[in-house]
Amino acid sequence: MHAVVPNEDALEVEATVLNKDIGFVRPGQPVTLKLESVPYTRYGYLEDTVETVSHDAAQDEHLGLVFPARVRLNKSALMVDGVTVSLTPGMSLSAEIKTGKRRLIDYVLSPLQRHGGEAFRET
């Protein structure tokens, strides 16, 4: 879970990148932000880009080593049932950083490919 935080002149999202994902994340990548307070399937989500990714890992109590990342928000509000809901510091959200493209068949076959190469080896 990530949070909206204040900055000097705009709101930002303070996100964490897992240690296993850090090799695939860099500034400039697109991010989908889904607010925890409203269902994104009904009210949508925000799209922005990764602004910075720390080179230094930080210890997270639950996730282990993570890398802090920042996403500057281009929009500070979302329409909910015709009413503008302003984003405020402390709001929780999830951030999905797009690291590449894969075809649907690649998702289906990747477990088979990963284990298939090991299936007929002797130890």
PDB file of N, CA and C in Angstrom:
ATOM      1  N   MET A   1       0.849  -1.169   0.000  1.00  0.00           N
ATOM      2  CA  MET A   1       0.000   0.000   0.000  1.00  0.00           C
ATOM      3  C   MET A   1       0.901   1.240   0.000  1.00  0.00           C
ATOM      4  N   HIS A   2       0.478   2.241  -0.689  1.00  0.00           N
ATOM      5  CA  HIS A   2       1.232   3.469  -0.824  1.00  0.00           C
ATOM      6  C   HIS A   2       0.362   4.627  -0.352  1.00  0.00           C
ATOM      7  N   ALA A   3       0.964   5.809  -0.254  1.00  0.00           N
ATOM      8  CA  ALA A   3       0.199   6.941   0.270  1.00  0.00           C
ATOM      9  C   ALA A   3       0.490   8.211  -0.503  1.00  0.00           C
ATOM     10  N   VAL A   4      -0.510   9.103  -0.522  1.00  0.00           N
ATOM     11  CA  VAL A   4      -0.359  10.436  -1.087  1.00  0.00           C
ATOM     12  C   VAL A   4       0.343  11.298  -0.037  1.00  0.00           C
ATOM     13  N   VAL A   5       1.361  12.032  -0.461  1.00  0.00           N
ATOM     14  CA  VAL A   5       2.103  12.890   0.462  1.00  0.00           C
ATOM     15  C   VAL A   5       2.208  14.293  -0.128  1.00  0.00           C
ATOM     16  N   PRO A   6       2.292  15.320   0.734  1.00  0.00           N
ATOM     17  CA  PRO A   6       2.427  16.685   0.211  1.00  0.00           C
ATOM     18  C   PRO A   6       3.854  16.948  -0.251  1.00  0.00           C
ATOM     19  N   ASN A   7       3.974  17.828  -1.227  1.00  0.00           N
ATOM     20  CA  ASN A   7       5.260  18.331  -1.677  1.00  0.00           C
ATOM     21  C   ASN A   7       5.115  19.847  -1.718  1.00  0.00           C
ATOM     22  N   GLU A   8       6.198  20.572  -2.036  1.00  0.00           N
ATOM     23  CA  GLU A   8       6.125  22.034  -1.999  1.00  0.00           C
ATOM     24  C   GLU A   8       4.964  22.602  -2.808  1.00  0.00           C
ATOM     25  N   ASP A   9       4.815  22.169  -4.051  1.00  0.00           N
ATOM     26  CA  ASP A   9       3.789  22.776  -4.904  1.00  0.00           C
ATOM     27  C   ASP A   9       2.796  21.775  -5.501  1.00  0.00           C
ATOM     28  N   ALA A  10       2.932  20.483  -5.179  1.00  0.00           N
ATOM     29  CA  ALA A  10       2.018  19.477  -5.736  1.00  0.00           C
ATOM     30  C   ALA A  10       1.960  18.274  -4.800  1.00  0.00           C
ATOM     31  N   LEU A  11       1.013  17.406  -5.064  1.00  0.00           N
ATOM     32  CA  LEU A  11       0.935  16.157  -4.319  1.00  0.00           C
ATOM     33  C   LEU A  11       1.770  15.094  -5.029  1.00  0.00           C
ATOM     34  N   GLU A  12       2.326  14.182  -4.248  1.00  0.00           N
ATOM     35  CA  GLU A  12       3.093  13.076  -4.786  1.00  0.00           C
ATOM     36  C   GLU A  12       2.622  11.791  -4.141  1.00  0.00           C
ATOM     37  N   VAL A  13       2.938  10.688  -4.786  1.00  0.00           N
ATOM     38  CA  VAL A  13       2.709   9.373  -4.196  1.00  0.00           C
ATOM     39  C   VAL A  13       4.059   8.851  -3.747  1.00  0.00           C
ATOM     40  N   GLU A  14       4.089   8.406  -2.514  1.00  0.00           N
ATOM     41  CA  GLU A  14       5.289   7.770  -1.976  1.00  0.00           C
ATOM     42  C   GLU A  14       5.061   6.272  -2.100  1.00  0.00           C
ATOM     43  N   ALA A  15       5.786   5.641  -2.998  1.00  0.00           N
ATOM     44  CA  ALA A  15       5.604   4.221  -3.276  1.00  0.00           C
ATOM     45  C   ALA A  15       6.842   3.438  -2.878  1.00  0.00           C
ATOM     46  N   THR A  16       6.697   2.135  -2.792  1.00  0.00           N
ATOM     47  CA  THR A  16       7.840   1.272  -2.525  1.00  0.00           C
ATOM     48  C   THR A  16       7.936   0.230  -3.630  1.00  0.00           C
ATOM     49  N   VAL A  17       9.145   0.004  -4.076  1.00  0.00           N
ATOM     50  CA  VAL A  17       9.409  -0.999  -5.102  1.00  0.00           C
ATOM     51  C   VAL A  17      10.068  -2.185  -4.406  1.00  0.00           C
ATOM     52  N   LEU A  18       9.511  -3.361  -4.600  1.00  0.00           N
ATOM     53  CA  LEU A  18      10.071  -4.551  -3.977  1.00  0.00           C
ATOM     54  C   LEU A  18      11.456  -4.848  -4.523  1.00  0.00           C
ATOM     55  N   ASN A  19      12.266  -5.464  -3.681  1.00  0.00           N
ATOM     56  CA  ASN A  19      13.633  -5.798  -4.052  1.00  0.00           C
ATOM     57  C   ASN A  19      13.671  -6.647  -5.326  1.00  0.00           C
ATOM     58  N   LYS A  20      12.735  -7.588  -5.472  1.00  0.00           N
ATOM     59  CA  LYS A  20      12.720  -8.466  -6.645  1.00  0.00           C
ATOM     60  C   LYS A  20      12.345  -7.731  -7.936  1.00  0.00           C
ATOM     61  N   ASP A  21      11.750  -6.521  -7.813  1.00  0.00           N
ATOM     62  CA  ASP A  21      11.304  -5.772  -8.987  1.00  0.00           C
ATOM     63  C   ASP A  21      12.201  -4.604  -9.364  1.00  0.00           C
ATOM     64  N   ILE A  22      13.160  -4.256  -8.516  1.00  0.00           N
ATOM     65  CA  ILE A  22      13.926  -3.023  -8.710  1.00  0.00           C
ATOM     66  C   ILE A  22      14.711  -3.000 -10.022  1.00  0.00           C
ATOM     67  N   GLY A  23      15.107  -4.135 -10.528  1.00  0.00           N
ATOM     68  CA  GLY A  23      15.847  -4.181 -11.786  1.00  0.00           C
ATOM     69  C   GLY A  23      15.024  -3.791 -12.998  1.00  0.00           C
ATOM     70  N   PHE A  24      13.711  -3.732 -12.841  1.00  0.00           N
ATOM     71  CA  PHE A  24      12.816  -3.436 -13.956  1.00  0.00           C
ATOM     72  C   PHE A  24      12.176  -2.053 -13.872  1.00  0.00           C
ATOM     73  N   VAL A  25      12.453  -1.299 -12.808  1.00  0.00           N
ATOM     74  CA  VAL A  25      11.784  -0.016 -12.577  1.00  0.00           C
ATOM     75  C   VAL A  25      12.766   1.133 -12.729  1.00  0.00           C
ATOM     76  N   ARG A  26      12.338   2.166 -13.456  1.00  0.00           N
ATOM     77  CA  ARG A  26      13.190   3.355 -13.635  1.00  0.00           C
ATOM     78  C   ARG A  26      12.296   4.584 -13.828  1.00  0.00           C
ATOM     79  N   PRO A  27      12.832   5.763 -13.594  1.00  0.00           N
ATOM     80  CA  PRO A  27      12.045   6.986 -13.805  1.00  0.00           C
ATOM     81  C   PRO A  27      11.531   7.069 -15.243  1.00  0.00           C
ATOM     82  N   GLY A  28      10.330   7.629 -15.370  1.00  0.00           N
ATOM     83  CA  GLY A  28       9.725   7.791 -16.690  1.00  0.00           C
ATOM     84  C   GLY A  28       8.743   6.697 -17.062  1.00  0.00           C
ATOM     85  N   GLN A  29       8.708   5.604 -16.292  1.00  0.00           N
ATOM     86  CA  GLN A  29       7.766   4.530 -16.612  1.00  0.00           C
ATOM     87  C   GLN A  29       6.353   4.907 -16.187  1.00  0.00           C
ATOM     88  N   PRO A  30       5.347   4.454 -16.953  1.00  0.00           N
ATOM     89  CA  PRO A  30       3.962   4.761 -16.592  1.00  0.00           C
ATOM     90  C   PRO A  30       3.515   3.993 -15.352  1.00  0.00           C
ATOM     91  N   VAL A  31       2.634   4.635 -14.580  1.00  0.00           N
ATOM     92  CA  VAL A  31       2.107   4.060 -13.345  1.00  0.00           C
ATOM     93  C   VAL A  31       0.588   4.203 -13.341  1.00  0.00           C
ATOM     94  N   THR A  32      -0.109   3.152 -12.929  1.00  0.00           N
ATOM     95  CA  THR A  32      -1.548   3.212 -12.702  1.00  0.00           C
ATOM     96  C   THR A  32      -1.762   3.296 -11.200  1.00  0.00           C
ATOM     97  N   LEU A  33      -2.482   4.336 -10.755  1.00  0.00           N
ATOM     98  CA  LEU A  33      -2.736   4.552  -9.330  1.00  0.00           C
ATOM     99  C   LEU A  33      -4.200   4.292  -9.039  1.00  0.00           C
ATOM    100  N   LYS A  34      -4.466   3.375  -8.111  1.00  0.00           N
ATOM    101  CA  LYS A  34      -5.840   2.999  -7.754  1.00  0.00           C
ATOM    102  C   LYS A  34      -6.075   3.373  -6.299  1.00  0.00           C
ATOM    103  N   LEU A  35      -7.016   4.278  -6.080  1.00  0.00           N
ATOM    104  CA  LEU A  35      -7.331   4.716  -4.720  1.00  0.00           C
ATOM    105  C   LEU A  35      -8.018   3.600  -3.949  1.00  0.00           C
ATOM    106  N   GLU A  36      -7.627   3.429  -2.688  1.00  0.00           N
ATOM    107  CA  GLU A  36      -8.239   2.410  -1.837  1.00  0.00           C
ATOM    108  C   GLU A  36      -9.647   2.816  -1.402  1.00  0.00           C
ATOM    109  N   SER A  37      -9.940   4.103  -1.397  1.00  0.00           N
ATOM    110  CA  SER A  37     -11.219   4.592  -0.873  1.00  0.00           C
ATOM    111  C   SER A  37     -12.386   4.469  -1.854  1.00  0.00           C
ATOM    112  N   VAL A  38     -12.120   4.240  -3.131  1.00  0.00           N
ATOM    113  CA  VAL A  38     -13.184   4.063  -4.120  1.00  0.00           C
ATOM    114  C   VAL A  38     -12.830   2.901  -5.049  1.00  0.00           C
ATOM    115  N   PRO A  39     -13.820   2.125  -5.481  1.00  0.00           N
ATOM    116  CA  PRO A  39     -13.529   1.016  -6.389  1.00  0.00           C
ATOM    117  C   PRO A  39     -13.072   1.535  -7.762  1.00  0.00           C
ATOM    118  N   TYR A  40     -11.870   1.187  -8.164  1.00  0.00           N
ATOM    119  CA  TYR A  40     -11.336   1.683  -9.438  1.00  0.00           C
ATOM    120  C   TYR A  40     -12.107   1.128 -10.626  1.00  0.00           C
ATOM    121  N   THR A  41     -12.728  -0.038 -10.479  1.00  0.00           N
ATOM    122  CA  THR A  41     -13.483  -0.605 -11.596  1.00  0.00           C
ATOM    123  C   THR A  41     -14.712   0.237 -11.926  1.00  0.00           C
ATOM    124  N   ARG A  42     -15.176   1.003 -10.959  1.00  0.00           N
ATOM    125  CA  ARG A  42     -16.349   1.853 -11.183  1.00  0.00           C
ATOM    126  C   ARG A  42     -15.976   3.312 -11.436  1.00  0.00           C
ATOM    127  N   TYR A  43     -14.981   3.820 -10.700  1.00  0.00           N
ATOM    128  CA  TYR A  43     -14.662   5.246 -10.763  1.00  0.00           C
ATOM    129  C   TYR A  43     -13.344   5.552 -11.471  1.00  0.00           C
ATOM    130  N   GLY A  44     -12.658   4.539 -11.902  1.00  0.00           N
ATOM    131  CA  GLY A  44     -11.436   4.760 -12.646  1.00  0.00           C
ATOM    132  C   GLY A  44     -10.201   4.860 -11.766  1.00  0.00           C
ATOM    133  N   TYR A  45      -9.138   5.272 -12.373  1.00  0.00           N
ATOM    134  CA  TYR A  45      -7.848   5.359 -11.714  1.00  0.00           C
ATOM    135  C   TYR A  45      -7.076   6.506 -12.328  1.00  0.00           C
ATOM    136  N   LEU A  46      -5.951   6.825 -11.738  1.00  0.00           N
ATOM    137  CA  LEU A  46      -5.093   7.893 -12.245  1.00  0.00           C
ATOM    138  C   LEU A  46      -3.901   7.272 -12.956  1.00  0.00           C
ATOM    139  N   GLU A  47      -3.422   7.953 -13.980  1.00  0.00           N
ATOM    140  CA  GLU A  47      -2.234   7.488 -14.687  1.00  0.00           C
ATOM    141  C   GLU A  47      -1.189   8.586 -14.643  1.00  0.00           C
ATOM    142  N   ASP A  48      -0.011   8.227 -14.167  1.00  0.00           N
ATOM    143  CA  ASP A  48       1.106   9.165 -14.074  1.00  0.00           C
ATOM    144  C   ASP A  48       2.390   8.434 -14.421  1.00  0.00           C
ATOM    145  N   THR A  49       3.525   9.031 -14.092  1.00  0.00           N
ATOM    146  CA  THR A  49       4.811   8.395 -14.370  1.00  0.00           C
ATOM    147  C   THR A  49       5.695   8.418 -13.127  1.00  0.00           C
ATOM    148  N   VAL A  50       6.606   7.455 -13.069  1.00  0.00           N
ATOM    149  CA  VAL A  50       7.580   7.401 -11.982  1.00  0.00           C
ATOM    150  C   VAL A  50       8.504   8.593 -12.134  1.00  0.00           C
ATOM    151  N   GLU A  51       8.655   9.363 -11.072  1.00  0.00           N
ATOM    152  CA  GLU A  51       9.546  10.519 -11.116  1.00  0.00           C
ATOM    153  C   GLU A  51      10.951  10.159 -10.636  1.00  0.00           C
ATOM    154  N   THR A  52      11.049   9.516  -9.488  1.00  0.00           N
ATOM    155  CA  THR A  52      12.354   9.123  -8.956  1.00  0.00           C
ATOM    156  C   THR A  52      12.270   7.735  -8.330  1.00  0.00           C
ATOM    157  N   VAL A  53      13.385   7.036  -8.359  1.00  0.00           N
ATOM    158  CA  VAL A  53      13.531   5.756  -7.667  1.00  0.00           C
ATOM    159  C   VAL A  53      14.839   5.834  -6.902  1.00  0.00           C
ATOM    160  N   SER A  54      14.781   5.556  -5.610  1.00  0.00           N
ATOM    161  CA  SER A  54      15.977   5.628  -4.782  1.00  0.00           C
ATOM    162  C   SER A  54      16.958   4.515  -5.150  1.00  0.00           C
ATOM    163  N   HIS A  55      18.238   4.828  -5.043  1.00  0.00           N
ATOM    164  CA  HIS A  55      19.283   3.825  -5.271  1.00  0.00           C
ATOM    165  C   HIS A  55      19.611   3.087  -3.980  1.00  0.00           C
ATOM    166  N   ASP A  56      19.084   3.573  -2.875  1.00  0.00           N
ATOM    167  CA  ASP A  56      19.353   2.976  -1.569  1.00  0.00           C
ATOM    168  C   ASP A  56      18.115   2.252  -1.064  1.00  0.00           C
ATOM    169  N   ALA A  57      18.296   1.028  -0.638  1.00  0.00           N
ATOM    170  CA  ALA A  57      17.191   0.248  -0.093  1.00  0.00           C
ATOM    171  C   ALA A  57      16.872   0.707   1.322  1.00  0.00           C
ATOM    172  N   ALA A  58      15.630   0.537   1.696  1.00  0.00           N
ATOM    173  CA  ALA A  58      15.174   0.834   3.053  1.00  0.00           C
ATOM    174  C   ALA A  58      14.521  -0.427   3.604  1.00  0.00           C
ATOM    175  N   GLN A  59      14.645  -0.629   4.893  1.00  0.00           N
ATOM    176  CA  GLN A  59      14.054  -1.812   5.524  1.00  0.00           C
ATOM    177  C   GLN A  59      12.586  -1.560   5.824  1.00  0.00           C
ATOM    178  N   ASP A  60      11.712  -2.433   5.335  1.00  0.00           N
ATOM    179  CA  ASP A  60      10.287  -2.378   5.644  1.00  0.00           C
ATOM    180  C   ASP A  60       9.979  -3.541   6.577  1.00  0.00           C
ATOM    181  N   GLU A  61       9.230  -3.256   7.602  1.00  0.00           N
ATOM    182  CA  GLU A  61       8.919  -4.254   8.635  1.00  0.00           C
ATOM    183  C   GLU A  61       8.262  -5.511   8.061  1.00  0.00           C
ATOM    184  N   HIS A  62       7.415  -5.340   7.042  1.00  0.00           N
ATOM    185  CA  HIS A  62       6.671  -6.469   6.496  1.00  0.00           C
ATOM    186  C   HIS A  62       7.230  -6.987   5.170  1.00  0.00           C
ATOM    187  N   LEU A  63       7.852  -6.120   4.388  1.00  0.00           N
ATOM    188  CA  LEU A  63       8.280  -6.488   3.037  1.00  0.00           C
ATOM    189  C   LEU A  63       9.773  -6.757   2.908  1.00  0.00           C
ATOM    190  N   GLY A  64      10.544  -6.474   3.931  1.00  0.00           N
ATOM    191  CA  GLY A  64      12.000  -6.615   3.834  1.00  0.00           C
ATOM    192  C   GLY A  64      12.598  -5.376   3.197  1.00  0.00           C
ATOM    193  N   LEU A  65      13.636  -5.568   2.389  1.00  0.00           N
ATOM    194  CA  LEU A  65      14.273  -4.434   1.727  1.00  0.00           C
ATOM    195  C   LEU A  65      13.437  -3.963   0.550  1.00  0.00           C
ATOM    196  N   VAL A  66      13.151  -2.664   0.518  1.00  0.00           N
ATOM    197  CA  VAL A  66      12.386  -2.046  -0.559  1.00  0.00           C
ATOM    198  C   VAL A  66      13.101  -0.775  -0.998  1.00  0.00           C
ATOM    199  N   PHE A  67      12.735  -0.296  -2.167  1.00  0.00           N
ATOM    200  CA  PHE A  67      13.322   0.931  -2.708  1.00  0.00           C
ATOM    201  C   PHE A  67      12.236   1.991  -2.821  1.00  0.00           C
ATOM    202  N   PRO A  68      12.380   3.113  -2.124  1.00  0.00           N
ATOM    203  CA  PRO A  68      11.384   4.188  -2.221  1.00  0.00           C
ATOM    204  C   PRO A  68      11.342   4.785  -3.632  1.00  0.00           C
ATOM    205  N   ALA A  69      10.146   5.094  -4.079  1.00  0.00           N
ATOM    206  CA  ALA A  69       9.949   5.731  -5.385  1.00  0.00           C
ATOM    207  C   ALA A  69       8.920   6.844  -5.215  1.00  0.00           C
ATOM    208  N   ARG A  70       8.987   7.841  -6.085  1.00  0.00           N
ATOM    209  CA  ARG A  70       8.044   8.969  -6.049  1.00  0.00           C
ATOM    210  C   ARG A  70       7.349   9.099  -7.394  1.00  0.00           C
ATOM    211  N   VAL A  71       6.050   9.388  -7.306  1.00  0.00           N
ATOM    212  CA  VAL A  71       5.231   9.655  -8.490  1.00  0.00           C
ATOM    213  C   VAL A  71       4.554  10.995  -8.255  1.00  0.00           C
ATOM    214  N   ARG A  72       4.834  11.983  -9.106  1.00  0.00           N
ATOM    215  CA  ARG A  72       4.170  13.286  -8.990  1.00  0.00           C
ATOM    216  C   ARG A  72       2.804  13.190  -9.644  1.00  0.00           C
ATOM    217  N   LEU A  73       1.773  13.630  -8.914  1.00  0.00           N
ATOM    218  CA  LEU A  73       0.408  13.554  -9.420  1.00  0.00           C
ATOM    219  C   LEU A  73       0.110  14.708 -10.368  1.00  0.00           C
ATOM    220  N   ASN A  74      -0.343  14.396 -11.565  1.00  0.00           N
ATOM    221  CA  ASN A  74      -0.753  15.424 -12.524  1.00  0.00           C
ATOM    222  C   ASN A  74      -2.170  15.905 -12.250  1.00  0.00           C
ATOM    223  N   LYS A  75      -3.004  15.027 -11.683  1.00  0.00           N
ATOM    224  CA  LYS A  75      -4.372  15.382 -11.303  1.00  0.00           C
ATOM    225  C   LYS A  75      -4.473  15.253  -9.790  1.00  0.00           C
ATOM    226  N   SER A  76      -5.195  16.164  -9.181  1.00  0.00           N
ATOM    227  CA  SER A  76      -5.338  16.102  -7.725  1.00  0.00           C
ATOM    228  C   SER A  76      -6.763  15.785  -7.303  1.00  0.00           C
ATOM    229  N   ALA A  77      -7.568  15.268  -8.249  1.00  0.00           N
ATOM    230  CA  ALA A  77      -8.959  14.946  -7.928  1.00  0.00           C
ATOM    231  C   ALA A  77      -9.450  13.837  -8.845  1.00  0.00           C
ATOM    232  N   LEU A  78     -10.546  13.199  -8.408  1.00  0.00           N
ATOM    233  CA  LEU A  78     -11.180  12.131  -9.155  1.00  0.00           C
ATOM    234  C   LEU A  78     -12.689  12.340  -9.074  1.00  0.00           C
ATOM    235  N   MET A  79     -13.400  12.102 -10.171  1.00  0.00           N
ATOM    236  CA  MET A  79     -14.855  12.243 -10.176  1.00  0.00           C
ATOM    237  C   MET A  79     -15.499  10.980  -9.610  1.00  0.00           C
ATOM    238  N   VAL A  80     -16.345  11.166  -8.572  1.00  0.00           N
ATOM    239  CA  VAL A  80     -17.066  10.053  -7.958  1.00  0.00           C
ATOM    240  C   VAL A  80     -18.549  10.413  -7.937  1.00  0.00           C
ATOM    241  N   ASP A  81     -19.325   9.737  -8.737  1.00  0.00           N
ATOM    242  CA  ASP A  81     -20.770   9.998  -8.853  1.00  0.00           C
ATOM    243  C   ASP A  81     -21.070  11.471  -9.120  1.00  0.00           C
ATOM    244  N   GLY A  82     -20.307  12.069 -10.023  1.00  0.00           N
ATOM    245  CA  GLY A  82     -20.536  13.457 -10.400  1.00  0.00           C
ATOM    246  C   GLY A  82     -19.982  14.478  -9.434  1.00  0.00           C
ATOM    247  N   VAL A  83     -19.329  14.028  -8.375  1.00  0.00           N
ATOM    248  CA  VAL A  83     -18.743  14.929  -7.384  1.00  0.00           C
ATOM    249  C   VAL A  83     -17.230  14.813  -7.460  1.00  0.00           C
ATOM    250  N   THR A  84     -16.547  15.943  -7.459  1.00  0.00           N
ATOM    251  CA  THR A  84     -15.100  15.945  -7.483  1.00  0.00           C
ATOM    252  C   THR A  84     -14.564  15.637  -6.088  1.00  0.00           C
ATOM    253  N   VAL A  85     -13.780  14.576  -5.989  1.00  0.00           N
ATOM    254  CA  VAL A  85     -13.159  14.189  -4.722  1.00  0.00           C
ATOM    255  C   VAL A  85     -11.673  14.544  -4.813  1.00  0.00           C
ATOM    256  N   SER A  86     -11.246  15.482  -3.990  1.00  0.00           N
ATOM    257  CA  SER A  86      -9.852  15.911  -3.992  1.00  0.00           C
ATOM    258  C   SER A  86      -8.986  14.907  -3.258  1.00  0.00           C
ATOM    259  N   LEU A  87      -7.817  14.658  -3.823  1.00  0.00           N
ATOM    260  CA  LEU A  87      -6.851  13.799  -3.151  1.00  0.00           C
ATOM    261  C   LEU A  87      -6.212  14.592  -2.021  1.00  0.00           C
ATOM    262  N   THR A  88      -6.012  13.939  -0.894  1.00  0.00           N
ATOM    263  CA  THR A  88      -5.421  14.605   0.258  1.00  0.00           C
ATOM    264  C   THR A  88      -4.275  13.766   0.798  1.00  0.00           C
ATOM    265  N   PRO A  89      -3.303  14.412   1.448  1.00  0.00           N
ATOM    266  CA  PRO A  89      -2.192  13.658   2.031  1.00  0.00           C
ATOM    267  C   PRO A  89      -2.696  12.592   2.990  1.00  0.00           C
ATOM    268  N   GLY A  90      -2.102  11.415   2.895  1.00  0.00           N
ATOM    269  CA  GLY A  90      -2.471  10.304   3.758  1.00  0.00           C
ATOM    270  C   GLY A  90      -3.392   9.296   3.105  1.00  0.00           C
ATOM    271  N   MET A  91      -4.002   9.650   1.960  1.00  0.00           N
ATOM    272  CA  MET A  91      -4.880   8.697   1.271  1.00  0.00           C
ATOM    273  C   MET A  91      -4.060   7.498   0.817  1.00  0.00           C
ATOM    274  N   SER A  92      -4.627   6.303   1.004  1.00  0.00           N
ATOM    275  CA  SER A  92      -3.956   5.074   0.587  1.00  0.00           C
ATOM    276  C   SER A  92      -4.325   4.727  -0.847  1.00  0.00           C
ATOM    277  N   LEU A  93      -3.395   4.106  -1.531  1.00  0.00           N
ATOM    278  CA  LEU A  93      -3.635   3.674  -2.895  1.00  0.00           C
ATOM    279  C   LEU A  93      -2.671   2.561  -3.244  1.00  0.00           C
ATOM    280  N   SER A  94      -2.931   1.920  -4.363  1.00  0.00           N
ATOM    281  CA  SER A  94      -1.980   0.943  -4.887  1.00  0.00           C
ATOM    282  C   SER A  94      -1.407   1.519  -6.173  1.00  0.00           C
ATOM    283  N   ALA A  95      -0.137   1.227  -6.399  1.00  0.00           N
ATOM    284  CA  ALA A  95       0.559   1.728  -7.585  1.00  0.00           C
ATOM    285  C   ALA A  95       1.053   0.540  -8.396  1.00  0.00           C
ATOM    286  N   GLU A  96       0.681   0.498  -9.655  1.00  0.00           N
ATOM    287  CA  GLU A  96       1.128  -0.553 -10.556  1.00  0.00           C
ATOM    288  C   GLU A  96       2.020   0.071 -11.617  1.00  0.00           C
ATOM    289  N   ILE A  97       3.306  -0.220 -11.534  1.00  0.00           N
ATOM    290  CA  ILE A  97       4.278   0.328 -12.474  1.00  0.00           C
ATOM    291  C   ILE A  97       4.363  -0.622 -13.665  1.00  0.00           C
ATOM    292  N   LYS A  98       4.160  -0.078 -14.843  1.00  0.00           N
ATOM    293  CA  LYS A  98       4.219  -0.895 -16.055  1.00  0.00           C
ATOM    294  C   LYS A  98       5.678  -1.061 -16.462  1.00  0.00           C
ATOM    295  N   THR A  99       6.158  -2.295 -16.394  1.00  0.00           N
ATOM    296  CA  THR A  99       7.565  -2.555 -16.662  1.00  0.00           C
ATOM    297  C   THR A  99       7.815  -3.156 -18.033  1.00  0.00           C
ATOM    298  N   GLY A 100       6.772  -3.525 -18.743  1.00  0.00           N
ATOM    299  CA  GLY A 100       6.944  -4.108 -20.070  1.00  0.00           C
ATOM    300  C   GLY A 100       5.628  -4.656 -20.570  1.00  0.00           C
ATOM    301  N   LYS A 101       5.691  -5.312 -21.710  1.00  0.00           N
ATOM    302  CA  LYS A 101       4.494  -5.893 -22.310  1.00  0.00           C
ATOM    303  C   LYS A 101       4.721  -7.390 -22.505  1.00  0.00           C
ATOM    304  N   ARG A 102       3.663  -8.161 -22.252  1.00  0.00           N
ATOM    305  CA  ARG A 102       3.690  -9.598 -22.512  1.00  0.00           C
ATOM    306  C   ARG A 102       2.358  -9.994 -23.127  1.00  0.00           C
ATOM    307  N   ARG A 103       2.430 -10.964 -23.998  1.00  0.00           N
ATOM    308  CA  ARG A 103       1.201 -11.491 -24.579  1.00  0.00           C
ATOM    309  C   ARG A 103       0.532 -12.415 -23.570  1.00  0.00           C
ATOM    310  N   LEU A 104      -0.770 -12.598 -23.701  1.00  0.00           N
ATOM    311  CA  LEU A 104      -1.525 -13.470 -22.812  1.00  0.00           C
ATOM    312  C   LEU A 104      -0.955 -14.888 -22.810  1.00  0.00           C
ATOM    313  N   ILE A 105      -0.580 -15.374 -23.961  1.00  0.00           N
ATOM    314  CA  ILE A 105      -0.048 -16.739 -24.049  1.00  0.00           C
ATOM    315  C   ILE A 105       1.262 -16.871 -23.259  1.00  0.00           C
ATOM    316  N   ASP A 106       2.039 -15.784 -23.163  1.00  0.00           N
ATOM    317  CA  ASP A 106       3.274 -15.820 -22.380  1.00  0.00           C
ATOM    318  C   ASP A 106       2.994 -16.045 -20.899  1.00  0.00           C
ATOM    319  N   TYR A 107       1.907 -15.445 -20.390  1.00  0.00           N
ATOM    320  CA  TYR A 107       1.522 -15.663 -18.992  1.00  0.00           C
ATOM    321  C   TYR A 107       1.152 -17.125 -18.752  1.00  0.00           C
ATOM    322  N   VAL A 108       0.459 -17.714 -19.707  1.00  0.00           N
ATOM    323  CA  VAL A 108       0.017 -19.098 -19.571  1.00  0.00           C
ATOM    324  C   VAL A 108       1.199 -20.062 -19.651  1.00  0.00           C
ATOM    325  N   LEU A 109       2.107 -19.808 -20.571  1.00  0.00           N
ATOM    326  CA  LEU A 109       3.207 -20.738 -20.810  1.00  0.00           C
ATOM    327  C   LEU A 109       4.421 -20.543 -19.899  1.00  0.00           C
ATOM    328  N   SER A 110       4.552 -19.384 -19.253  1.00  0.00           N
ATOM    329  CA  SER A 110       5.777 -19.128 -18.480  1.00  0.00           C
ATOM    330  C   SER A 110       6.018 -20.140 -17.365  1.00  0.00           C
ATOM    331  N   PRO A 111       5.003 -20.601 -16.605  1.00  0.00           N
ATOM    332  CA  PRO A 111       5.299 -21.630 -15.591  1.00  0.00           C
ATOM    333  C   PRO A 111       5.779 -22.936 -16.224  1.00  0.00           C
ATOM    334  N   LEU A 112       5.213 -23.289 -17.360  1.00  0.00           N
ATOM    335  CA  LEU A 112       5.639 -24.509 -18.042  1.00  0.00           C
ATOM    336  C   LEU A 112       7.062 -24.380 -18.558  1.00  0.00           C
ATOM    337  N   GLN A 113       7.391 -23.235 -19.114  1.00  0.00           N
ATOM    338  CA  GLN A 113       8.734 -23.011 -19.615  1.00  0.00           C
ATOM    339  C   GLN A 113       9.755 -23.007 -18.485  1.00  0.00           C
ATOM    340  N   ARG A 114       9.382 -22.408 -17.366  1.00  0.00           N
ATOM    341  CA  ARG A 114      10.299 -22.318 -16.232  1.00  0.00           C
ATOM    342  C   ARG A 114      10.591 -23.699 -15.657  1.00  0.00           C
ATOM    343  N   HIS A 115       9.556 -24.511 -15.486  1.00  0.00           N
ATOM    344  CA  HIS A 115       9.739 -25.831 -14.885  1.00  0.00           C
ATOM    345  C   HIS A 115      10.074 -26.903 -15.919  1.00  0.00           C
ATOM    346  N   GLY A 116       9.690 -26.678 -17.149  1.00  0.00           N
ATOM    347  CA  GLY A 116       9.963 -27.648 -18.202  1.00  0.00           C
ATOM    348  C   GLY A 116      11.442 -27.840 -18.458  1.00  0.00           C
ATOM    349  N   GLY A 117      12.206 -26.795 -18.355  1.00  0.00           N
ATOM    350  CA  GLY A 117      13.645 -26.889 -18.561  1.00  0.00           C
ATOM    351  C   GLY A 117      14.355 -27.652 -17.462  1.00  0.00           C
ATOM    352  N   GLU A 118      13.731 -27.758 -16.309  1.00  0.00           N
ATOM    353  CA  GLU A 118      14.336 -28.461 -15.178  1.00  0.00           C
ATOM    354  C   GLU A 118      13.808 -29.883 -15.025  1.00  0.00           C
ATOM    355  N   ALA A 119      12.761 -30.236 -15.747  1.00  0.00           N
ATOM    356  CA  ALA A 119      12.068 -31.499 -15.520  1.00  0.00           C
ATOM    357  C   ALA A 119      12.902 -32.730 -15.849  1.00  0.00           C
ATOM    358  N   PHE A 120      13.714 -32.677 -16.865  1.00  0.00           N
ATOM    359  CA  PHE A 120      14.421 -33.874 -17.304  1.00  0.00           C
ATOM    360  C   PHE A 120      15.905 -33.852 -16.976  1.00  0.00           C
ATOM    361  N   ARG A 121      16.276 -33.091 -15.962  1.00  0.00           N
ATOM    362  CA  ARG A 121      17.681 -33.050 -15.550  1.00  0.00           C
ATOM    363  C   ARG A 121      17.903 -34.000 -14.387  1.00  0.00           C
ATOM    364  N   GLU A 122      19.071 -34.579 -14.347  1.00  0.00           N
ATOM    365  CA  GLU A 122      19.437 -35.414 -13.214  1.00  0.00           C
ATOM    366  C   GLU A 122      20.228 -34.582 -12.232  1.00  0.00           C
ATOM    367  N   THR A 123      20.119 -34.936 -10.985  1.00  0.00           N
ATOM    368  CA  THR A 123      20.879 -34.198  -9.968  1.00  0.00           C
ATOM    369  C   THR A 123      22.050 -34.980  -9.478  1.00  0.00           C
TER     370      THR A 123
END
